[in-house]
Amino acid sequence: MTLLGYKYLTEEDAQQARKDCSDYYGIPVSPNDTTQYWVNYQCAVLDTPVFWFILFDESLVPILGEPIEFDITQPAV
């Protein structure tokens, strides 16, 4: 499956991107807020090497830049 978004080779890089987005949008306002992150990342566990990714949303462009297309392996149904 081909996706549009942001791809990271380490989980730490994905966590930093998530933090950058949340900081940009001022989330969370307080530590007890329900919403803790503006966006979250996922792991492509069936791919070798494993990588982490954030799906594209227009609101991410000011922080993460232009997205790329990449493929992930889907589990067999």
N, C-alpha and C. Protein backbone atom coordinates (compact mmCIF):
# COMPACT_ATOMS: atom_id res chain seq x y z
N MET A 1 0.84 -1.17 0.00
CA MET A 1 0.00 0.00 0.00
C MET A 1 0.89 1.24 0.00
N THR A 2 0.56 2.18 -0.84
CA THR A 2 1.31 3.43 -0.91
C THR A 2 0.60 4.49 -0.06
N LEU A 3 1.39 5.16 0.78
CA LEU A 3 0.87 6.20 1.66
C LEU A 3 1.56 7.52 1.37
N LEU A 4 0.95 8.59 1.81
CA LEU A 4 1.54 9.91 1.73
C LEU A 4 1.75 10.40 3.16
N GLY A 5 2.99 10.78 3.46
CA GLY A 5 3.26 11.23 4.81
C GLY A 5 4.74 11.45 5.04
N TYR A 6 5.16 11.15 6.26
CA TYR A 6 6.52 11.40 6.71
C TYR A 6 7.07 10.10 7.29
N LYS A 7 8.25 9.71 6.86
CA LYS A 7 8.84 8.43 7.21
C LYS A 7 10.09 8.66 8.06
N TYR A 8 10.23 7.85 9.12
CA TYR A 8 11.35 7.99 10.05
C TYR A 8 12.01 6.64 10.28
N LEU A 9 13.32 6.63 10.31
CA LEU A 9 14.06 5.39 10.47
C LEU A 9 14.23 4.99 11.93
N THR A 10 14.01 5.93 12.85
CA THR A 10 14.07 5.59 14.28
C THR A 10 12.80 6.10 14.96
N GLU A 11 12.40 5.41 16.01
CA GLU A 11 11.24 5.85 16.77
C GLU A 11 11.49 7.20 17.43
N GLU A 12 12.73 7.44 17.81
CA GLU A 12 13.07 8.72 18.43
C GLU A 12 12.80 9.88 17.47
N ASP A 13 13.13 9.70 16.19
CA ASP A 13 12.86 10.74 15.20
C ASP A 13 11.35 10.98 15.04
N ALA A 14 10.57 9.90 15.05
CA ALA A 14 9.11 10.02 14.96
C ALA A 14 8.56 10.73 16.20
N GLN A 15 9.09 10.40 17.37
CA GLN A 15 8.66 11.06 18.60
C GLN A 15 8.99 12.55 18.56
N GLN A 16 10.14 12.90 18.03
CA GLN A 16 10.52 14.31 17.94
C GLN A 16 9.61 15.06 16.98
N ALA A 17 9.27 14.44 15.86
CA ALA A 17 8.35 15.07 14.90
C ALA A 17 6.98 15.28 15.55
N ARG A 18 6.51 14.29 16.29
CA ARG A 18 5.23 14.41 17.01
C ARG A 18 5.30 15.57 18.01
N LYS A 19 6.40 15.66 18.74
CA LYS A 19 6.59 16.73 19.73
C LYS A 19 6.63 18.10 19.03
N ASP A 20 7.34 18.19 17.91
CA ASP A 20 7.43 19.44 17.17
C ASP A 20 6.04 19.92 16.74
N CYS A 21 5.20 19.01 16.28
CA CYS A 21 3.84 19.36 15.86
C CYS A 21 3.01 19.83 17.04
N SER A 22 3.10 19.11 18.15
CA SER A 22 2.34 19.48 19.34
C SER A 22 2.79 20.83 19.88
N ASP A 23 4.10 21.05 19.90
CA ASP A 23 4.62 22.35 20.36
C ASP A 23 4.13 23.48 19.46
N TYR A 24 4.14 23.25 18.16
CA TYR A 24 3.71 24.27 17.20
C TYR A 24 2.26 24.68 17.45
N TYR A 25 1.40 23.69 17.75
CA TYR A 25 -0.02 23.95 17.95
C TYR A 25 -0.39 24.14 19.42
N GLY A 26 0.59 24.14 20.31
CA GLY A 26 0.33 24.42 21.72
C GLY A 26 -0.46 23.35 22.45
N ILE A 27 -0.19 22.11 22.12
CA ILE A 27 -0.88 20.98 22.74
C ILE A 27 0.13 20.16 23.53
N PRO A 28 -0.21 19.71 24.72
CA PRO A 28 -1.45 19.97 25.45
C PRO A 28 -1.40 21.33 26.14
N VAL A 29 -2.57 21.89 26.36
CA VAL A 29 -2.65 23.16 27.07
C VAL A 29 -2.29 22.93 28.54
N SER A 30 -2.76 21.80 29.07
CA SER A 30 -2.40 21.41 30.44
C SER A 30 -2.14 19.91 30.45
N PRO A 31 -1.37 19.44 31.43
CA PRO A 31 -1.02 18.01 31.47
C PRO A 31 -2.22 17.07 31.58
N ASN A 32 -3.36 17.57 32.05
CA ASN A 32 -4.54 16.72 32.22
C ASN A 32 -5.48 16.73 31.02
N ASP A 33 -5.12 17.45 29.96
CA ASP A 33 -5.97 17.49 28.77
C ASP A 33 -6.11 16.10 28.15
N THR A 34 -7.26 15.86 27.55
CA THR A 34 -7.49 14.60 26.84
C THR A 34 -6.57 14.50 25.64
N THR A 35 -6.45 15.58 24.89
CA THR A 35 -5.59 15.60 23.71
C THR A 35 -4.17 15.95 24.14
N GLN A 36 -3.26 15.00 23.96
CA GLN A 36 -1.87 15.19 24.36
C GLN A 36 -0.95 15.48 23.18
N TYR A 37 -1.38 15.09 21.96
CA TYR A 37 -0.55 15.27 20.76
C TYR A 37 -1.41 15.75 19.61
N TRP A 38 -0.82 16.57 18.73
CA TRP A 38 -1.52 17.02 17.53
C TRP A 38 -1.65 15.87 16.53
N VAL A 39 -0.63 15.03 16.50
CA VAL A 39 -0.58 13.91 15.56
C VAL A 39 0.14 12.76 16.24
N ASN A 40 -0.09 11.55 15.78
CA ASN A 40 0.65 10.42 16.32
C ASN A 40 1.34 9.68 15.18
N TYR A 41 2.28 8.84 15.54
CA TYR A 41 3.01 8.07 14.55
C TYR A 41 2.62 6.60 14.66
N GLN A 42 2.93 5.86 13.61
CA GLN A 42 2.68 4.43 13.57
C GLN A 42 3.95 3.71 13.17
N CYS A 43 3.99 2.42 13.41
CA CYS A 43 5.15 1.61 13.08
C CYS A 43 4.79 0.63 11.97
N ALA A 44 5.64 0.55 10.97
CA ALA A 44 5.47 -0.40 9.87
C ALA A 44 6.22 -1.68 10.26
N VAL A 45 5.61 -2.48 11.11
CA VAL A 45 6.29 -3.64 11.69
C VAL A 45 6.51 -4.78 10.70
N LEU A 46 5.76 -4.81 9.62
CA LEU A 46 5.92 -5.90 8.65
C LEU A 46 6.98 -5.59 7.60
N ASP A 47 7.52 -4.39 7.64
CA ASP A 47 8.54 -4.00 6.67
C ASP A 47 9.94 -4.22 7.23
N THR A 48 10.87 -4.48 6.31
CA THR A 48 12.26 -4.65 6.70
C THR A 48 13.09 -3.67 5.89
N PRO A 49 13.81 -2.75 6.52
CA PRO A 49 13.81 -2.56 7.97
C PRO A 49 12.52 -1.90 8.44
N VAL A 50 12.22 -2.11 9.73
CA VAL A 50 11.06 -1.48 10.35
C VAL A 50 11.25 0.04 10.30
N PHE A 51 10.17 0.77 10.11
CA PHE A 51 10.24 2.23 10.16
C PHE A 51 8.96 2.77 10.78
N TRP A 52 9.00 4.05 11.11
CA TRP A 52 7.87 4.73 11.72
C TRP A 52 7.39 5.80 10.77
N PHE A 53 6.10 6.12 10.83
CA PHE A 53 5.57 7.11 9.90
C PHE A 53 4.42 7.90 10.49
N ILE A 54 4.23 9.08 9.94
CA ILE A 54 3.10 9.94 10.26
C ILE A 54 2.35 10.17 8.95
N LEU A 55 1.05 9.93 8.97
CA LEU A 55 0.24 10.15 7.78
C LEU A 55 0.08 11.65 7.51
N PHE A 56 0.03 11.99 6.25
CA PHE A 56 -0.05 13.39 5.84
C PHE A 56 -1.36 14.04 6.25
N ASP A 57 -1.25 15.26 6.68
CA ASP A 57 -2.37 16.17 6.87
C ASP A 57 -1.82 17.56 6.53
N GLU A 58 -2.64 18.36 5.89
CA GLU A 58 -2.20 19.70 5.46
C GLU A 58 -1.66 20.53 6.63
N SER A 59 -2.17 20.30 7.82
CA SER A 59 -1.73 21.08 8.99
C SER A 59 -0.29 20.78 9.39
N LEU A 60 0.31 19.72 8.84
CA LEU A 60 1.67 19.34 9.20
C LEU A 60 2.73 20.01 8.33
N VAL A 61 2.34 20.54 7.19
CA VAL A 61 3.30 21.12 6.25
C VAL A 61 4.14 22.23 6.87
N PRO A 62 3.57 23.15 7.66
CA PRO A 62 4.41 24.21 8.23
C PRO A 62 5.51 23.69 9.17
N ILE A 63 5.30 22.51 9.73
CA ILE A 63 6.26 21.97 10.70
C ILE A 63 7.18 20.94 10.06
N LEU A 64 6.59 19.99 9.33
CA LEU A 64 7.35 18.85 8.80
C LEU A 64 7.73 18.99 7.34
N GLY A 65 7.19 19.99 6.66
CA GLY A 65 7.50 20.17 5.25
C GLY A 65 6.60 19.36 4.35
N GLU A 66 7.02 19.24 3.11
CA GLU A 66 6.23 18.50 2.12
C GLU A 66 6.33 17.00 2.38
N PRO A 67 5.23 16.27 2.25
CA PRO A 67 5.24 14.84 2.48
C PRO A 67 5.87 14.07 1.32
N ILE A 68 6.12 12.80 1.56
CA ILE A 68 6.62 11.91 0.51
C ILE A 68 5.66 10.73 0.37
N GLU A 69 5.76 10.03 -0.74
CA GLU A 69 5.03 8.78 -0.92
C GLU A 69 5.95 7.64 -0.52
N PHE A 70 5.41 6.64 0.19
CA PHE A 70 6.18 5.47 0.57
C PHE A 70 5.24 4.28 0.68
N ASP A 71 5.81 3.10 0.61
CA ASP A 71 5.02 1.87 0.66
C ASP A 71 5.16 1.20 2.02
N ILE A 72 4.05 0.59 2.46
CA ILE A 72 4.10 -0.26 3.65
C ILE A 72 3.49 -1.60 3.30
N THR A 73 3.90 -2.62 4.01
CA THR A 73 3.37 -3.96 3.82
C THR A 73 2.13 -4.13 4.68
N GLN A 74 1.06 -4.57 4.06
CA GLN A 74 -0.20 -4.82 4.77
C GLN A 74 -0.24 -6.29 5.22
N PRO A 75 -0.84 -6.55 6.39
CA PRO A 75 -0.98 -7.95 6.81
C PRO A 75 -1.92 -8.71 5.87
N ALA A 76 -1.66 -9.99 5.72
CA ALA A 76 -2.52 -10.83 4.89
C ALA A 76 -3.88 -10.96 5.57
N VAL A 77 -4.93 -10.93 4.76
CA VAL A 77 -6.28 -11.01 5.33
C VAL A 77 -6.76 -12.43 5.33
